[in-house]
Structures are given as C-alpha cells and as structure tokens.
Amino acid sequence: MKISDMQKYDSEKMYEAYEKWPEIAQENYAKDLPKIDFKRIEHIVFAGVGGSGTIGDVMSSILSKTNIHVNVVKGYLLPKTVSSNTLVVTTSVSGNSKEPLSILQNARKSKGKFVSFSSGGQVKKFSDKNNITHIEIPEVHSPRASFPCYLYSMLNVLEDMIPVKKQDVKESISLLTKTKKKISSTNLTNSNPALSLAKWISSFPIIYYPWGLHSAAIRFKNSLQENAKTHAFVEDIIESSHNAIVAWEKKSKIKPILIIGKDDYTKTKERWEVVKEFFELNKIQYNKVYSVNGSILTKLVNLIYLLDYSSIYKAVLSKTDPTPVKPIEFIKSRI
C-alpha cells in the first residue's frame, strides 16, 4: 500500500483525522470545561448509539471495578433503577440522534440528574430549553472519528465524579503517541500491525474478547462494518467456549481474531491457550492482537486506535471509501 492509495480511496481523509488522535485527546483533557459534580451518585447511565455508544461501553469497562453501578443504553428507554442517586449522561456527536433525544425527554419526570454532550443540534436545543447541563464538543470528521474528543472531554468534565486517576489518563495519551508511530500512514510497511491485520482479513472476521476488553471488540466490529463495509462478529471467549465454538466443526471462511489483554485474569489466560490449541489442531488460521500494558483506560483506547486504523486500511485495500454510510442515512431518513 502507498500513501497515494490512501488519498485515492479515503476521499474525505479519515486517516488524517486519526493521525491527530493523541493531540485531540491531550487538548480535550486539558481544555477549560465546566466541571460536573453531583453529590452521592451511585449509578451512572451512559446513553448513546453508534460512535457515541462506544463512549458508554468504554466508560462501563473503566468503572467496572468501582462501587458505581453502570448501565449503557443504546436505545430509547431508561432503566427503571434510575433514582435521585443516578447520573444520566447522554451523548450524540451529531446532536440529532433520535435515541439520546428520547432519553433526554425523561428528564422532565425523572429523579435522576442529566447532562448531555453533543456538537450542537437538537440535543443542545432541548437541553438549553429544559435547563439540562449541556457540554458542546465539536465533531472531528465523523462521529466515530470523534471518539478521543468526546471520551477525554467527558473524563475532563466528570473528573470529580468518576474515580479515574489522572496518571492513568496521562498514561493513555502518552501510549497513544507511541501507538501512532507504529500504525499511522507514515509507516506503510510490514512493521505496521494495523496494516498487517487489515491484509490478513480476507473474509468475515469473528472477534473473540475477554470481558474487560469487550468495548474494544465491539468497536472493532462496528468500525469494520462502517469503514470497510464488511460483516464482522464478536464473541466473549468464555461464553463462546460453551456454545459458539461448536460451529468450528464445519469448515468456514470466517477467520478468528483474538483480542488478548496483557494481564487477563488467570482463568482467561488458560482459556486462550486451550482455544488456540483447538484452532491449531483443526488447522483453523487465527490472528492475535495484544493490548498494551497499563490501566484499563490505556488498554482500551490504544486497542481502539489500532483496530480502527486497521478498519480504514481494510477499506482502502478493498478500494472502498471508509466515510460514506448510506444505509445509516437511509434508516435515519425513515425515523
């Protein structure tokens, strides 16, 4: 692959937006944004769909070992467990997605506290009209490419409520810079792990993941579908060992990709070895992607960076423009 291929098929230069991810993360975490600090919050609901939904998945993983109960809503309805100790965070990069707007409408009758993030649109208008705290964050290229802008803005705004160490945030950004050197379009060689993975994907991938890294796996599936316009599937490695693994008794063009954490739980490490042994005995080709070392935040954002970039490379290799999402536009035009 040459840079001229990137320029030819990536018509709206999505790859250039990705090359700015470390700088975007740093800028938005350091930005002077209003802080939100509601007292006695024990439950947080993250509501958003598509690229905005990834934020909720990542935040859920980050908070999984804290005393805060987390729900991720990718639809229209709030959980019935919302109370006066609940914070509802709605995110819509475009500002016009129907689902988070529906969630916001609950603010009129709910006991929960609400805050919204968007680049403007109907979410901002509704929030302003109904005295809901709204944080306006600009869109970067597209909702999916805006991931670091929104994640690090949210970590900034909610830092007094979310127990994430500043050192972990700084570590994650520092590692993004190192990851960029390996995966960006300035290194279109065999040493680029994102490009190598894209070349390896010759049919539909099935992405296996441990629970703590589920948000990176789901995001990779979504990015392959949106950017490369290819089907992709995800499976929890533990759960799939009790059902989905049986499907491999029949020959398939589907190719497994294993998303492995550097410090996965001991039993999960054992499961990886057994599953790899099974694939090898049955001559099933598979690929492995390892997380970097560090906090869960560091692992997730760097995995998402590498895997998203791989989906862009996969699009270019298949002579596909990663930016247009006409089927999504069709559906939105009907709702």
Protein backbone atom coordinates (compact mmCIF):
# COMPACT_ATOMS: atom_id res chain seq x y z
CA MET A 1 0.00 0.00 0.00
CA LYS A 2 1.14 3.55 -0.80
CA ILE A 3 0.03 6.89 0.57
CA SER A 4 -1.43 7.61 -2.87
CA ASP A 5 -3.84 4.69 -2.29
CA MET A 6 -4.97 6.27 0.97
CA GLN A 7 -5.53 9.59 -0.74
CA LYS A 8 -7.38 7.99 -3.64
CA TYR A 9 -9.87 5.83 -1.77
CA ASP A 10 -10.21 7.72 1.52
CA SER A 11 -11.88 10.68 -0.19
CA GLU A 12 -12.60 12.66 2.99
CA LYS A 13 -9.20 11.91 4.57
CA MET A 14 -10.45 9.98 7.58
CA TYR A 15 -6.93 8.69 8.13
CA GLU A 16 -5.69 12.25 8.64
CA ALA A 17 -8.23 12.74 11.44
CA TYR A 18 -6.93 9.57 13.10
CA GLU A 19 -3.37 10.78 12.94
CA LYS A 20 -4.41 13.63 15.25
CA TRP A 21 -5.91 11.38 17.93
CA PRO A 22 -3.11 11.78 20.53
CA GLU A 23 -3.18 15.57 20.16
CA ILE A 24 -7.00 15.64 20.25
CA ALA A 25 -7.03 13.56 23.44
CA GLN A 26 -4.50 15.82 25.13
CA GLU A 27 -6.24 19.02 24.06
CA ASN A 28 -9.68 17.95 25.26
CA TYR A 29 -8.50 16.61 28.59
CA ALA A 30 -6.64 19.85 29.28
CA LYS A 31 -9.40 22.14 27.97
CA ASP A 32 -11.13 24.52 30.39
CA LEU A 33 -14.54 22.86 30.50
CA PRO A 34 -17.21 23.24 33.20
CA LYS A 35 -16.97 20.54 35.88
CA ILE A 36 -19.99 18.49 36.88
CA ASP A 37 -20.11 17.32 40.49
CA PHE A 38 -23.44 15.95 41.68
CA LYS A 39 -23.27 14.54 45.19
CA ARG A 40 -23.96 10.93 46.21
CA ILE A 41 -24.04 9.48 42.69
CA GLU A 42 -24.12 5.69 42.92
CA HIS A 43 -25.46 4.87 39.47
CA ILE A 44 -24.50 6.23 36.03
CA VAL A 45 -26.38 5.63 32.79
CA PHE A 46 -24.45 6.30 29.58
CA ALA A 47 -26.85 6.75 26.69
CA GLY A 48 -25.76 6.96 23.05
CA VAL A 49 -25.69 4.99 19.82
CA GLY A 50 -23.13 4.37 17.08
CA GLY A 51 -19.86 6.19 17.64
CA SER A 52 -21.39 7.86 20.68
CA GLY A 53 -22.33 4.46 22.07
CA THR A 54 -18.67 3.45 22.16
CA ILE A 55 -18.13 6.07 24.86
CA GLY A 56 -20.60 4.33 27.15
CA ASP A 57 -19.02 0.93 26.52
CA VAL A 58 -15.56 2.25 27.39
CA MET A 59 -16.75 4.12 30.48
CA SER A 60 -18.55 0.98 31.66
CA SER A 61 -15.31 -1.00 31.40
CA ILE A 62 -13.32 1.70 33.19
CA LEU A 63 -15.82 1.80 36.08
CA SER A 64 -16.39 -1.96 36.30
CA LYS A 65 -14.21 -2.35 39.39
CA THR A 66 -15.60 0.66 41.26
CA ASN A 67 -18.64 0.96 43.52
CA ILE A 68 -20.56 2.84 40.83
CA HIS A 69 -23.27 0.82 39.10
CA VAL A 70 -23.24 1.45 35.33
CA ASN A 71 -25.81 0.93 32.58
CA VAL A 72 -25.19 1.51 28.89
CA VAL A 73 -28.33 2.36 26.93
CA LYS A 74 -28.29 2.12 23.14
CA GLY A 75 -31.95 2.73 22.63
CA TYR A 76 -34.91 4.82 23.73
CA LEU A 77 -35.69 3.78 27.31
CA LEU A 78 -34.07 4.42 30.66
CA PRO A 79 -33.67 1.57 33.17
CA LYS A 80 -36.30 1.53 35.92
CA THR A 81 -33.49 1.66 38.50
CA VAL A 82 -32.89 5.38 37.85
CA SER A 83 -33.18 7.31 41.11
CA SER A 84 -32.07 10.56 42.72
CA ASN A 85 -28.61 9.00 43.01
CA THR A 86 -28.39 8.41 39.25
CA LEU A 87 -26.48 10.47 36.71
CA VAL A 88 -27.70 10.12 33.13
CA VAL A 89 -25.06 11.04 30.55
CA THR A 90 -26.44 11.37 27.03
CA THR A 91 -24.07 11.64 24.09
CA SER A 92 -24.78 12.40 20.45
CA VAL A 93 -21.88 13.70 18.40
CA SER A 94 -24.20 14.92 15.64
CA GLY A 95 -26.67 16.24 18.20
CA ASN A 96 -29.61 14.86 16.24
CA SER A 97 -29.82 11.13 17.02
CA LYS A 98 -33.38 10.19 18.00
CA GLU A 99 -32.42 7.71 20.72
CA PRO A 100 -30.49 10.07 23.06
CA LEU A 101 -33.13 12.73 22.46
CA SER A 102 -35.73 10.26 23.69
CA ILE A 103 -33.61 9.59 26.79
CA LEU A 104 -33.32 13.33 27.48
CA GLN A 105 -37.09 13.71 27.42
CA ASN A 106 -37.18 11.61 30.59
CA ALA A 107 -35.53 14.49 32.45
CA ARG A 108 -38.92 16.16 32.90
CA LYS A 109 -40.30 13.35 35.05
CA SER A 110 -37.19 11.53 36.30
CA LYS A 111 -35.48 11.93 39.67
CA GLY A 112 -32.08 11.42 38.03
CA LYS A 113 -29.54 14.12 37.20
CA PHE A 114 -28.95 14.71 33.49
CA VAL A 115 -26.03 16.02 31.45
CA SER A 116 -25.64 15.99 27.68
CA PHE A 117 -22.73 16.11 25.24
CA SER A 118 -23.07 16.98 21.56
CA SER A 119 -21.71 19.20 18.81
CA GLY A 120 -24.98 21.13 18.84
CA GLY A 121 -28.20 20.16 17.07
CA GLN A 122 -31.44 19.10 18.71
CA VAL A 123 -29.69 17.75 21.81
CA LYS A 124 -28.30 21.19 22.61
CA LYS A 125 -31.62 22.91 21.86
CA PHE A 126 -33.58 20.52 24.07
CA SER A 127 -31.02 20.72 26.88
CA ASP A 128 -30.92 24.51 26.85
CA LYS A 129 -34.71 24.74 26.80
CA ASN A 130 -35.09 22.32 29.72
CA ASN A 131 -32.21 23.56 31.91
CA ILE A 132 -30.13 20.42 31.37
CA THR A 133 -26.39 20.92 31.61
CA HIS A 134 -25.02 20.66 28.09
CA ILE A 135 -21.37 20.46 27.03
CA GLU A 136 -20.77 21.38 23.41
CA ILE A 137 -17.88 19.42 21.86
CA PRO A 138 -17.02 19.83 18.17
CA GLU A 139 -17.24 16.89 15.80
CA VAL A 140 -13.96 15.73 14.28
CA HIS A 141 -14.57 14.41 10.75
CA SER A 142 -17.35 11.98 11.79
CA PRO A 143 -18.91 10.62 14.99
CA ARG A 144 -16.66 7.53 15.01
CA ALA A 145 -13.51 9.58 14.39
CA SER A 146 -14.53 11.93 17.22
CA PHE A 147 -14.04 9.22 19.84
CA PRO A 148 -10.99 10.73 21.65
CA CYS A 149 -12.50 14.20 21.54
CA TYR A 150 -15.62 13.06 23.40
CA LEU A 151 -14.05 10.48 25.71
CA TYR A 152 -11.38 12.82 27.05
CA SER A 153 -13.80 15.75 27.28
CA MET A 154 -16.07 13.54 29.38
CA LEU A 155 -13.18 12.46 31.60
CA ASN A 156 -12.41 16.16 31.99
CA VAL A 157 -15.95 17.30 32.80
CA LEU A 158 -16.77 14.38 35.13
CA GLU A 159 -13.38 14.07 36.83
CA ASP A 160 -14.84 14.96 40.25
CA MET A 161 -17.42 12.17 39.96
CA ILE A 162 -15.59 9.37 38.16
CA PRO A 163 -12.73 7.66 40.05
CA VAL A 164 -10.19 7.63 37.22
CA LYS A 165 -6.66 8.55 38.19
CA LYS A 166 -5.14 11.50 36.34
CA GLN A 167 -2.00 9.43 35.95
CA ASP A 168 -3.99 6.78 34.08
CA VAL A 169 -5.38 9.41 31.72
CA LYS A 170 -1.91 10.84 31.07
CA GLU A 171 -0.53 7.33 30.55
CA SER A 172 -3.23 6.54 28.00
CA ILE A 173 -2.42 9.66 25.98
CA SER A 174 1.32 9.02 26.15
CA LEU A 175 0.80 5.48 24.83
CA LEU A 176 -1.44 6.82 22.03
CA THR A 177 1.53 8.83 20.78
CA LYS A 178 3.70 5.71 20.73
CA THR A 179 0.98 3.66 19.06
CA LYS A 180 0.57 6.34 16.38
CA LYS A 181 4.20 5.93 15.29
CA LYS A 182 3.58 2.23 14.65
CA ILE A 183 0.17 2.33 12.95
CA SER A 184 -0.20 5.66 11.11
CA SER A 185 0.06 6.25 7.36
CA THR A 186 3.64 7.45 7.85
CA ASN A 187 4.57 3.78 8.35
CA LEU A 188 3.00 1.82 5.49
CA THR A 189 5.40 -1.11 5.95
CA ASN A 190 5.21 -4.68 7.21
CA SER A 191 6.06 -3.37 10.69
CA ASN A 192 2.66 -1.65 10.91
CA PRO A 193 0.44 -4.02 12.97
CA ALA A 194 -2.81 -2.32 11.91
CA LEU A 195 -1.95 -2.65 8.23
CA SER A 196 -0.77 -6.26 8.67
CA LEU A 197 -4.07 -7.15 10.35
CA ALA A 198 -6.05 -5.48 7.55
CA LYS A 199 -4.15 -7.51 4.94
CA TRP A 200 -4.81 -10.71 6.88
CA ILE A 201 -8.59 -10.20 6.95
CA SER A 202 -9.65 -11.86 3.71
CA SER A 203 -13.22 -12.80 4.67
CA PHE A 204 -15.59 -12.15 7.57
CA PRO A 205 -13.77 -11.94 10.92
CA ILE A 206 -15.12 -13.20 14.21
CA ILE A 207 -13.59 -11.27 17.09
CA TYR A 208 -13.05 -13.09 20.39
CA TYR A 209 -12.52 -11.00 23.51
CA PRO A 210 -12.26 -11.25 27.30
CA TRP A 211 -15.00 -9.39 29.19
CA GLY A 212 -12.82 -6.46 30.28
CA LEU A 213 -11.98 -5.65 26.65
CA HIS A 214 -15.48 -6.08 25.25
CA SER A 215 -15.77 -2.39 24.32
CA ALA A 216 -12.70 -2.59 22.05
CA ALA A 217 -14.03 -5.72 20.34
CA ILE A 218 -17.49 -4.24 19.77
CA ARG A 219 -15.94 -1.05 18.45
CA PHE A 220 -13.75 -3.06 16.03
CA LYS A 221 -16.83 -4.87 14.72
CA ASN A 222 -18.62 -1.56 14.25
CA SER A 223 -15.64 0.06 12.53
CA LEU A 224 -15.19 -2.84 10.10
CA GLN A 225 -18.88 -2.60 9.26
CA GLU A 226 -18.90 1.18 8.80
CA ASN A 227 -15.45 1.76 7.30
CA ALA A 228 -14.69 -1.42 5.35
CA LYS A 229 -18.35 -2.21 4.65
CA THR A 230 -17.82 -5.85 5.66
CA HIS A 231 -19.68 -8.13 8.03
CA ALA A 232 -17.99 -8.88 11.35
CA PHE A 233 -19.00 -10.73 14.51
CA VAL A 234 -17.98 -10.69 18.18
CA GLU A 235 -17.89 -13.43 20.84
CA ASP A 236 -16.96 -13.46 24.52
CA ILE A 237 -14.16 -16.04 24.75
CA ILE A 238 -15.56 -17.66 27.92
CA GLU A 239 -19.20 -17.80 26.86
CA SER A 240 -18.34 -18.95 23.34
CA SER A 241 -16.46 -21.92 24.79
CA HIS A 242 -19.87 -23.25 25.89
CA ASN A 243 -21.69 -22.81 22.57
CA ALA A 244 -20.25 -20.93 19.57
CA ILE A 245 -17.02 -22.94 19.46
CA VAL A 246 -19.01 -25.96 18.20
CA ALA A 247 -19.66 -24.18 14.89
CA TRP A 248 -16.00 -24.68 14.00
CA GLU A 249 -16.69 -28.37 13.44
CA LYS A 250 -17.68 -27.31 9.94
CA LYS A 251 -15.25 -25.65 7.55
CA SER A 252 -15.76 -21.91 7.25
CA LYS A 253 -14.31 -18.89 5.52
CA ILE A 254 -14.79 -16.90 8.72
CA LYS A 255 -11.47 -16.05 10.38
CA PRO A 256 -10.94 -15.71 14.15
CA ILE A 257 -9.19 -12.71 15.68
CA LEU A 258 -8.26 -12.94 19.36
CA ILE A 259 -8.18 -9.68 21.35
CA ILE A 260 -5.92 -10.55 24.29
CA GLY A 261 -5.14 -8.43 27.36
CA LYS A 262 -1.59 -8.37 28.64
CA ASP A 263 -2.82 -9.17 32.15
CA ASP A 264 -6.04 -11.07 31.57
CA TYR A 265 -7.50 -13.00 34.50
CA THR A 266 -5.64 -16.27 35.17
CA LYS A 267 -8.55 -18.46 34.08
CA THR A 268 -8.98 -16.39 30.94
CA LYS A 269 -5.31 -16.93 30.07
CA GLU A 270 -5.86 -20.66 30.44
CA ARG A 271 -8.88 -20.46 28.15
CA TRP A 272 -6.91 -18.61 25.48
CA GLU A 273 -4.34 -21.43 25.42
CA VAL A 274 -7.00 -24.12 25.11
CA VAL A 275 -8.82 -22.28 22.33
CA LYS A 276 -5.57 -21.67 20.42
CA GLU A 277 -4.75 -25.37 20.78
CA PHE A 278 -8.19 -26.23 19.38
CA PHE A 279 -7.70 -23.94 16.38
CA GLU A 280 -4.25 -25.33 15.66
CA LEU A 281 -5.37 -28.97 15.92
CA ASN A 282 -8.18 -28.23 13.50
CA LYS A 283 -5.96 -26.17 11.17
CA ILE A 284 -8.01 -23.02 11.64
CA GLN A 285 -5.96 -19.91 10.91
CA TYR A 286 -6.31 -17.20 13.51
CA ASN A 287 -4.73 -13.86 14.38
CA LYS A 288 -3.86 -12.32 17.73
CA VAL A 289 -3.99 -8.68 18.84
CA TYR A 290 -2.48 -7.87 22.23
CA SER A 291 -3.29 -4.87 24.38
CA VAL A 292 -0.53 -2.60 25.62
CA ASN A 293 0.44 -2.66 29.28
CA GLY A 294 -1.22 -0.13 31.56
CA SER A 295 -4.56 0.82 33.07
CA ILE A 296 -7.83 -0.38 31.58
CA LEU A 297 -8.27 3.06 30.02
CA THR A 298 -4.84 2.81 28.39
CA LYS A 299 -5.54 -0.68 27.10
CA LEU A 300 -8.90 0.21 25.61
CA VAL A 301 -8.07 3.48 23.86
CA ASN A 302 -4.90 2.07 22.34
CA LEU A 303 -6.67 -1.08 21.15
CA ILE A 304 -9.44 1.01 19.64
CA TYR A 305 -6.84 3.22 17.94
CA LEU A 306 -5.05 0.26 16.36
CA LEU A 307 -8.21 -1.61 15.39
CA ASP A 308 -9.97 1.46 13.98
CA TYR A 309 -6.92 2.23 11.86
CA SER A 310 -6.92 -1.38 10.66
CA SER A 311 -10.54 -0.97 9.51
CA ILE A 312 -9.53 2.11 7.48
CA TYR A 313 -6.67 0.16 5.88
CA LYS A 314 -9.05 -2.70 5.15
CA ALA A 315 -11.36 -0.25 3.38
CA VAL A 316 -8.55 1.15 1.24
CA LEU A 317 -7.20 -2.32 0.41
CA SER A 318 -10.67 -3.25 -0.85
CA LYS A 319 -10.92 0.03 -2.78
CA THR A 320 -13.72 1.26 -0.53
CA ASP A 321 -14.25 4.79 0.77
CA PRO A 322 -14.47 4.48 4.58
CA THR A 323 -16.50 7.65 5.20
CA PRO A 324 -19.92 7.27 3.48
CA VAL A 325 -22.57 5.34 5.44
CA LYS A 326 -25.54 5.43 3.06
CA PRO A 327 -27.56 2.63 4.74
CA ILE A 328 -27.42 4.53 8.04
CA GLU A 329 -28.59 7.68 6.27
CA PHE A 330 -31.43 5.69 4.69
CA ILE A 331 -32.62 4.43 8.08
CA LYS A 332 -32.34 7.87 9.71
CA SER A 333 -34.41 9.35 6.90
CA ARG A 334 -37.24 6.96 7.79
CA ILE A 335 -37.39 7.55 11.55
